[in-house]
Amino acid sequence: MDLLKAVPDIVDEMDHIELLSRATIKITPALTDRIRLFGLINALAICVLITVFYEYGLGTDSEGTNWLEPVVIPEINLAI
């Protein structure tokens, strides 16, 4: 009984695979994994840069109101 319920999903998957095989740009699962890993590494690098080079400084205006504002740490110089 479960097989009969799964048949429409299997047919849809087969149609999808056939459409992918006829596509002009073929993206393999390995390439998809590489792209996903590249995006993950970039996201982690951006998070590390923000964590290392940003801090919150206390800002005040002429009325004496205080607020937190993001400030780039100016003392750190990188030779990239």
PDB file of N, CA and C in Angstrom:
ATOM      1  N   MET A   1       0.818  -1.190   0.000  1.00  0.00           N
ATOM      2  CA  MET A   1       0.000   0.000   0.000  1.00  0.00           C
ATOM      3  C   MET A   1       0.870   1.266   0.000  1.00  0.00           C
ATOM      4  N   ASP A   2       1.969   1.237   0.718  1.00  0.00           N
ATOM      5  CA  ASP A   2       2.846   2.396   0.767  1.00  0.00           C
ATOM      6  C   ASP A   2       3.520   2.656  -0.575  1.00  0.00           C
ATOM      7  N   LEU A   3       3.780   1.591  -1.330  1.00  0.00           N
ATOM      8  CA  LEU A   3       4.399   1.744  -2.632  1.00  0.00           C
ATOM      9  C   LEU A   3       3.485   2.525  -3.569  1.00  0.00           C
ATOM     10  N   LEU A   4       2.206   2.257  -3.504  1.00  0.00           N
ATOM     11  CA  LEU A   4       1.269   2.965  -4.365  1.00  0.00           C
ATOM     12  C   LEU A   4       1.174   4.443  -4.004  1.00  0.00           C
ATOM     13  N   LYS A   5       1.349   4.760  -2.739  1.00  0.00           N
ATOM     14  CA  LYS A   5       1.342   6.163  -2.332  1.00  0.00           C
ATOM     15  C   LYS A   5       2.612   6.885  -2.788  1.00  0.00           C
ATOM     16  N   ALA A   6       3.709   6.165  -2.915  1.00  0.00           N
ATOM     17  CA  ALA A   6       4.986   6.775  -3.277  1.00  0.00           C
ATOM     18  C   ALA A   6       5.179   6.903  -4.781  1.00  0.00           C
ATOM     19  N   VAL A   7       4.359   6.237  -5.571  1.00  0.00           N
ATOM     20  CA  VAL A   7       4.539   6.253  -7.026  1.00  0.00           C
ATOM     21  C   VAL A   7       4.472   7.663  -7.616  1.00  0.00           C
ATOM     22  N   PRO A   8       3.517   8.524  -7.256  1.00  0.00           N
ATOM     23  CA  PRO A   8       3.521   9.878  -7.846  1.00  0.00           C
ATOM     24  C   PRO A   8       4.793  10.665  -7.529  1.00  0.00           C
ATOM     25  N   ASP A   9       5.317  10.510  -6.336  1.00  0.00           N
ATOM     26  CA  ASP A   9       6.564  11.201  -5.988  1.00  0.00           C
ATOM     27  C   ASP A   9       7.735  10.673  -6.808  1.00  0.00           C
ATOM     28  N   ILE A  10       7.771   9.376  -7.026  1.00  0.00           N
ATOM     29  CA  ILE A  10       8.853   8.778  -7.809  1.00  0.00           C
ATOM     30  C   ILE A  10       8.773   9.246  -9.260  1.00  0.00           C
ATOM     31  N   VAL A  11       7.571   9.318  -9.801  1.00  0.00           N
ATOM     32  CA  VAL A  11       7.402   9.787 -11.180  1.00  0.00           C
ATOM     33  C   VAL A  11       7.815  11.255 -11.300  1.00  0.00           C
ATOM     34  N   ASP A  12       7.430  12.073 -10.343  1.00  0.00           N
ATOM     35  CA  ASP A  12       7.839  13.476 -10.362  1.00  0.00           C
ATOM     36  C   ASP A  12       9.353  13.615 -10.281  1.00  0.00           C
ATOM     37  N   GLU A  13       9.989  12.790  -9.452  1.00  0.00           N
ATOM     38  CA  GLU A  13      11.443  12.832  -9.331  1.00  0.00           C
ATOM     39  C   GLU A  13      12.121  12.400 -10.622  1.00  0.00           C
ATOM     40  N   MET A  14      11.566  11.399 -11.283  1.00  0.00           N
ATOM     41  CA  MET A  14      12.131  10.951 -12.556  1.00  0.00           C
ATOM     42  C   MET A  14      12.008  12.043 -13.616  1.00  0.00           C
ATOM     43  N   ASP A  15      10.877  12.743 -13.664  1.00  0.00           N
ATOM     44  CA  ASP A  15      10.708  13.848 -14.609  1.00  0.00           C
ATOM     45  C   ASP A  15      11.703  14.961 -14.318  1.00  0.00           C
ATOM     46  N   HIS A  16      11.903  15.249 -13.046  1.00  0.00           N
ATOM     47  CA  HIS A  16      12.850  16.296 -12.656  1.00  0.00           C
ATOM     48  C   HIS A  16      14.274  15.926 -13.067  1.00  0.00           C
ATOM     49  N   ILE A  17      14.666  14.679 -12.862  1.00  0.00           N
ATOM     50  CA  ILE A  17      16.007  14.227 -13.235  1.00  0.00           C
ATOM     51  C   ILE A  17      16.184  14.289 -14.750  1.00  0.00           C
ATOM     52  N   GLU A  18      15.139  13.953 -15.504  1.00  0.00           N
ATOM     53  CA  GLU A  18      15.231  14.036 -16.956  1.00  0.00           C
ATOM     54  C   GLU A  18      15.394  15.486 -17.419  1.00  0.00           C
ATOM     55  N   LEU A  19      14.680  16.410 -16.798  1.00  0.00           N
ATOM     56  CA  LEU A  19      14.834  17.825 -17.145  1.00  0.00           C
ATOM     57  C   LEU A  19      16.239  18.324 -16.817  1.00  0.00           C
ATOM     58  N   LEU A  20      16.786  17.872 -15.690  1.00  0.00           N
ATOM     59  CA  LEU A  20      18.144  18.274 -15.332  1.00  0.00           C
ATOM     60  C   LEU A  20      19.177  17.726 -16.308  1.00  0.00           C
ATOM     61  N   SER A  21      18.951  16.534 -16.821  1.00  0.00           N
ATOM     62  CA  SER A  21      19.922  15.946 -17.747  1.00  0.00           C
ATOM     63  C   SER A  21      19.915  16.661 -19.092  1.00  0.00           C
ATOM     64  N   ARG A  22      18.810  17.324 -19.445  1.00  0.00           N
ATOM     65  CA  ARG A  22      18.732  18.058 -20.713  1.00  0.00           C
ATOM     66  C   ARG A  22      19.108  19.534 -20.566  1.00  0.00           C
ATOM     67  N   ALA A  23      19.427  19.977 -19.382  1.00  0.00           N
ATOM     68  CA  ALA A  23      19.736  21.392 -19.153  1.00  0.00           C
ATOM     69  C   ALA A  23      21.049  21.776 -19.832  1.00  0.00           C
ATOM     70  N   THR A  24      21.162  23.051 -20.187  1.00  0.00           N
ATOM     71  CA  THR A  24      22.392  23.508 -20.844  1.00  0.00           C
ATOM     72  C   THR A  24      23.548  23.611 -19.854  1.00  0.00           C
ATOM     73  N   ILE A  25      23.252  24.003 -18.625  1.00  0.00           N
ATOM     74  CA  ILE A  25      24.278  24.059 -17.580  1.00  0.00           C
ATOM     75  C   ILE A  25      24.013  22.910 -16.620  1.00  0.00           C
ATOM     76  N   LYS A  26      24.937  21.991 -16.590  1.00  0.00           N
ATOM     77  CA  LYS A  26      24.758  20.819 -15.727  1.00  0.00           C
ATOM     78  C   LYS A  26      25.549  21.026 -14.439  1.00  0.00           C
ATOM     79  N   ILE A  27      24.839  21.074 -13.335  1.00  0.00           N
ATOM     80  CA  ILE A  27      25.477  21.238 -12.032  1.00  0.00           C
ATOM     81  C   ILE A  27      25.384  19.900 -11.305  1.00  0.00           C
ATOM     82  N   THR A  28      26.535  19.310 -11.060  1.00  0.00           N
ATOM     83  CA  THR A  28      26.570  18.017 -10.388  1.00  0.00           C
ATOM     84  C   THR A  28      26.427  18.222  -8.880  1.00  0.00           C
ATOM     85  N   PRO A  29      26.057  17.186  -8.166  1.00  0.00           N
ATOM     86  CA  PRO A  29      25.995  17.308  -6.704  1.00  0.00           C
ATOM     87  C   PRO A  29      27.343  17.670  -6.081  1.00  0.00           C
ATOM     88  N   ALA A  30      28.440  17.221  -6.663  1.00  0.00           N
ATOM     89  CA  ALA A  30      29.763  17.571  -6.136  1.00  0.00           C
ATOM     90  C   ALA A  30      30.023  19.062  -6.294  1.00  0.00           C
ATOM     91  N   LEU A  31      29.636  19.628  -7.441  1.00  0.00           N
ATOM     92  CA  LEU A  31      29.811  21.064  -7.647  1.00  0.00           C
ATOM     93  C   LEU A  31      28.920  21.859  -6.702  1.00  0.00           C
ATOM     94  N   THR A  32      27.715  21.373  -6.474  1.00  0.00           N
ATOM     95  CA  THR A  32      26.820  22.025  -5.526  1.00  0.00           C
ATOM     96  C   THR A  32      27.428  22.034  -4.128  1.00  0.00           C
ATOM     97  N   ASP A  33      28.030  20.929  -3.734  1.00  0.00           N
ATOM     98  CA  ASP A  33      28.690  20.873  -2.424  1.00  0.00           C
ATOM     99  C   ASP A  33      29.869  21.837  -2.344  1.00  0.00           C
ATOM    100  N   ARG A  34      30.641  21.949  -3.427  1.00  0.00           N
ATOM    101  CA  ARG A  34      31.771  22.884  -3.434  1.00  0.00           C
ATOM    102  C   ARG A  34      31.301  24.327  -3.327  1.00  0.00           C
ATOM    103  N   ILE A  35      30.241  24.664  -4.048  1.00  0.00           N
ATOM    104  CA  ILE A  35      29.700  26.025  -3.986  1.00  0.00           C
ATOM    105  C   ILE A  35      29.181  26.321  -2.587  1.00  0.00           C
ATOM    106  N   ARG A  36      28.496  25.368  -1.993  1.00  0.00           N
ATOM    107  CA  ARG A  36      27.976  25.542  -0.637  1.00  0.00           C
ATOM    108  C   ARG A  36      29.118  25.699   0.372  1.00  0.00           C
ATOM    109  N   LEU A  37      30.182  24.920   0.230  1.00  0.00           N
ATOM    110  CA  LEU A  37      31.338  25.027   1.120  1.00  0.00           C
ATOM    111  C   LEU A  37      32.039  26.373   0.947  1.00  0.00           C
ATOM    112  N   PHE A  38      32.166  26.839  -0.304  1.00  0.00           N
ATOM    113  CA  PHE A  38      32.768  28.145  -0.573  1.00  0.00           C
ATOM    114  C   PHE A  38      31.961  29.258   0.092  1.00  0.00           C
ATOM    115  N   GLY A  39      30.642  29.187   0.011  1.00  0.00           N
ATOM    116  CA  GLY A  39      29.795  30.180   0.664  1.00  0.00           C
ATOM    117  C   GLY A  39      29.924  30.137   2.175  1.00  0.00           C
ATOM    118  N   LEU A  40      30.023  28.938   2.736  1.00  0.00           N
ATOM    119  CA  LEU A  40      30.179  28.790   4.180  1.00  0.00           C
ATOM    120  C   LEU A  40      31.497  29.385   4.651  1.00  0.00           C
ATOM    121  N   ILE A  41      32.574  29.121   3.915  1.00  0.00           N
ATOM    122  CA  ILE A  41      33.883  29.656   4.295  1.00  0.00           C
ATOM    123  C   ILE A  41      33.878  31.181   4.215  1.00  0.00           C
ATOM    124  N   ASN A  42      33.256  31.739   3.175  1.00  0.00           N
ATOM    125  CA  ASN A  42      33.160  33.193   3.072  1.00  0.00           C
ATOM    126  C   ASN A  42      32.353  33.779   4.221  1.00  0.00           C
ATOM    127  N   ALA A  43      31.246  33.152   4.575  1.00  0.00           N
ATOM    128  CA  ALA A  43      30.425  33.650   5.680  1.00  0.00           C
ATOM    129  C   ALA A  43      31.193  33.612   6.998  1.00  0.00           C
ATOM    130  N   LEU A  44      31.922  32.538   7.237  1.00  0.00           N
ATOM    131  CA  LEU A  44      32.719  32.450   8.462  1.00  0.00           C
ATOM    132  C   LEU A  44      33.835  33.493   8.482  1.00  0.00           C
ATOM    133  N   ALA A  45      34.459  33.737   7.331  1.00  0.00           N
ATOM    134  CA  ALA A  45      35.519  34.744   7.268  1.00  0.00           C
ATOM    135  C   ALA A  45      34.960  36.130   7.559  1.00  0.00           C
ATOM    136  N   ILE A  46      33.797  36.437   7.019  1.00  0.00           N
ATOM    137  CA  ILE A  46      33.179  37.736   7.288  1.00  0.00           C
ATOM    138  C   ILE A  46      32.836  37.866   8.769  1.00  0.00           C
ATOM    139  N   CYS A  47      32.316  36.811   9.370  1.00  0.00           N
ATOM    140  CA  CYS A  47      31.998  36.853  10.806  1.00  0.00           C
ATOM    141  C   CYS A  47      33.252  37.073  11.647  1.00  0.00           C
ATOM    142  N   VAL A  48      34.344  36.419  11.293  1.00  0.00           N
ATOM    143  CA  VAL A  48      35.589  36.592  12.041  1.00  0.00           C
ATOM    144  C   VAL A  48      36.104  38.022  11.891  1.00  0.00           C
ATOM    145  N   LEU A  49      36.054  38.565  10.675  1.00  0.00           N
ATOM    146  CA  LEU A  49      36.510  39.940  10.466  1.00  0.00           C
ATOM    147  C   LEU A  49      35.678  40.931  11.267  1.00  0.00           C
ATOM    148  N   ILE A  50      34.378  40.749  11.267  1.00  0.00           N
ATOM    149  CA  ILE A  50      33.521  41.653  12.041  1.00  0.00           C
ATOM    150  C   ILE A  50      33.808  41.513  13.527  1.00  0.00           C
ATOM    151  N   THR A  51      33.988  40.296  14.000  1.00  0.00           N
ATOM    152  CA  THR A  51      34.258  40.073  15.418  1.00  0.00           C
ATOM    153  C   THR A  51      35.588  40.688  15.838  1.00  0.00           C
ATOM    154  N   VAL A  52      36.603  40.602  14.976  1.00  0.00           N
ATOM    155  CA  VAL A  52      37.940  41.072  15.336  1.00  0.00           C
ATOM    156  C   VAL A  52      38.061  42.590  15.188  1.00  0.00           C
ATOM    157  N   PHE A  53      37.519  43.162  14.128  1.00  0.00           N
ATOM    158  CA  PHE A  53      37.803  44.554  13.788  1.00  0.00           C
ATOM    159  C   PHE A  53      36.710  45.545  14.175  1.00  0.00           C
ATOM    160  N   TYR A  54      35.614  45.112  14.716  1.00  0.00           N
ATOM    161  CA  TYR A  54      34.562  46.045  15.116  1.00  0.00           C
ATOM    162  C   TYR A  54      34.398  46.018  16.628  1.00  0.00           C
ATOM    163  N   GLU A  55      34.063  47.155  17.154  1.00  0.00           N
ATOM    164  CA  GLU A  55      33.704  47.236  18.565  1.00  0.00           C
ATOM    165  C   GLU A  55      32.628  48.311  18.689  1.00  0.00           C
ATOM    166  N   TYR A  56      31.947  48.311  19.766  1.00  0.00           N
ATOM    167  CA  TYR A  56      30.921  49.325  19.997  1.00  0.00           C
ATOM    168  C   TYR A  56      31.485  50.400  20.895  1.00  0.00           C
ATOM    169  N   GLY A  57      31.428  51.633  20.418  1.00  0.00           N
ATOM    170  CA  GLY A  57      31.898  52.766  21.193  1.00  0.00           C
ATOM    171  C   GLY A  57      30.712  53.568  21.688  1.00  0.00           C
ATOM    172  N   LEU A  58      30.934  54.316  22.736  1.00  0.00           N
ATOM    173  CA  LEU A  58      29.887  55.141  23.319  1.00  0.00           C
ATOM    174  C   LEU A  58      29.901  56.501  22.637  1.00  0.00           C
ATOM    175  N   GLY A  59      28.783  56.871  22.050  1.00  0.00           N
ATOM    176  CA  GLY A  59      28.672  58.169  21.400  1.00  0.00           C
ATOM    177  C   GLY A  59      27.765  59.085  22.191  1.00  0.00           C
ATOM    178  N   THR A  60      28.050  60.354  22.165  1.00  0.00           N
ATOM    179  CA  THR A  60      27.203  61.343  22.839  1.00  0.00           C
ATOM    180  C   THR A  60      26.948  62.500  21.878  1.00  0.00           C
ATOM    181  N   ASP A  61      25.804  63.141  22.043  1.00  0.00           N
ATOM    182  CA  ASP A  61      25.532  64.331  21.244  1.00  0.00           C
ATOM    183  C   ASP A  61      25.553  65.572  22.136  1.00  0.00           C
ATOM    184  N   SER A  62      25.197  66.712  21.567  1.00  0.00           N
ATOM    185  CA  SER A  62      25.302  67.976  22.311  1.00  0.00           C
ATOM    186  C   SER A  62      24.330  68.053  23.488  1.00  0.00           C
ATOM    187  N   GLU A  63      23.261  67.258  23.451  1.00  0.00           N
ATOM    188  CA  GLU A  63      22.295  67.270  24.553  1.00  0.00           C
ATOM    189  C   GLU A  63      22.668  66.301  25.666  1.00  0.00           C
ATOM    190  N   GLY A  64      23.719  65.542  25.474  1.00  0.00           N
ATOM    191  CA  GLY A  64      24.165  64.603  26.493  1.00  0.00           C
ATOM    192  C   GLY A  64      23.564  63.216  26.356  1.00  0.00           C
ATOM    193  N   THR A  65      22.881  62.939  25.253  1.00  0.00           N
ATOM    194  CA  THR A  65      22.313  61.613  25.031  1.00  0.00           C
ATOM    195  C   THR A  65      23.415  60.650  24.627  1.00  0.00           C
ATOM    196  N   ASN A  66      23.420  59.484  25.240  1.00  0.00           N
ATOM    197  CA  ASN A  66      24.427  58.463  24.940  1.00  0.00           C
ATOM    198  C   ASN A  66      23.815  57.374  24.068  1.00  0.00           C
ATOM    199  N   TRP A  67      24.617  56.801  23.205  1.00  0.00           N
ATOM    200  CA  TRP A  67      24.206  55.665  22.405  1.00  0.00           C
ATOM    201  C   TRP A  67      25.440  54.850  22.043  1.00  0.00           C
ATOM    202  N   LEU A  68      25.205  53.610  21.632  1.00  0.00           N
ATOM    203  CA  LEU A  68      26.296  52.748  21.184  1.00  0.00           C
ATOM    204  C   LEU A  68      26.374  52.822  19.667  1.00  0.00           C
ATOM    205  N   GLU A  69      27.584  52.962  19.162  1.00  0.00           N
ATOM    206  CA  GLU A  69      27.771  53.003  17.724  1.00  0.00           C
ATOM    207  C   GLU A  69      28.924  52.078  17.350  1.00  0.00           C
ATOM    208  N   PRO A  70      28.816  51.405  16.201  1.00  0.00           N
ATOM    209  CA  PRO A  70      29.912  50.537  15.776  1.00  0.00           C
ATOM    210  C   PRO A  70      31.111  51.353  15.333  1.00  0.00           C
ATOM    211  N   VAL A  71      32.286  50.934  15.750  1.00  0.00           N
ATOM    212  CA  VAL A  71      33.525  51.642  15.432  1.00  0.00           C
ATOM    213  C   VAL A  71      34.530  50.614  14.935  1.00  0.00           C
ATOM    214  N   VAL A  72      35.227  50.934  13.843  1.00  0.00           N
ATOM    215  CA  VAL A  72      36.306  50.080  13.360  1.00  0.00           C
ATOM    216  C   VAL A  72      37.530  50.384  14.197  1.00  0.00           C
ATOM    217  N   ILE A  73      38.189  49.335  14.666  1.00  0.00           N
ATOM    218  CA  ILE A  73      39.387  49.511  15.494  1.00  0.00           C
ATOM    219  C   ILE A  73      40.507  50.052  14.608  1.00  0.00           C
ATOM    220  N   PRO A  74      40.989  51.279  14.859  1.00  0.00           N
ATOM    221  CA  PRO A  74      41.985  51.878  13.941  1.00  0.00           C
ATOM    222  C   PRO A  74      43.423  51.421  14.192  1.00  0.00           C
ATOM    223  N   GLU A  75      43.701  50.803  15.334  1.00  0.00           N
ATOM    224  CA  GLU A  75      45.080  50.470  15.677  1.00  0.00           C
ATOM    225  C   GLU A  75      45.618  49.277  14.912  1.00  0.00           C
ATOM    226  N   ILE A  76      44.756  48.438  14.371  1.00  0.00           N
ATOM    227  CA  ILE A  76      45.199  47.199  13.742  1.00  0.00           C
ATOM    228  C   ILE A  76      45.445  47.467  12.247  1.00  0.00           C
ATOM    229  N   ASN A  77      46.667  47.229  11.794  1.00  0.00           N
ATOM    230  CA  ASN A  77      47.019  47.383  10.387  1.00  0.00           C
ATOM    231  C   ASN A  77      47.417  46.028   9.821  1.00  0.00           C
ATOM    232  N   LEU A  78      46.782  45.656   8.721  1.00  0.00           N
ATOM    233  CA  LEU A  78      47.097  44.391   8.083  1.00  0.00           C
ATOM    234  C   LEU A  78      47.799  44.659   6.770  1.00  0.00           C
ATOM    235  N   ALA A  79      48.787  43.865   6.467  1.00  0.00           N
ATOM    236  CA  ALA A  79      49.465  43.953   5.161  1.00  0.00           C
ATOM    237  C   ALA A  79      48.955  42.814   4.299  1.00  0.00           C
ATOM    238  N   ILE A  80      47.861  43.061   3.646  1.00  0.00           N
ATOM    239  CA  ILE A  80      47.254  42.012   2.808  1.00  0.00           C
ATOM    240  C   ILE A  80      47.601  42.295   1.364  1.00  0.00           C
TER     241      ILE A  80
END
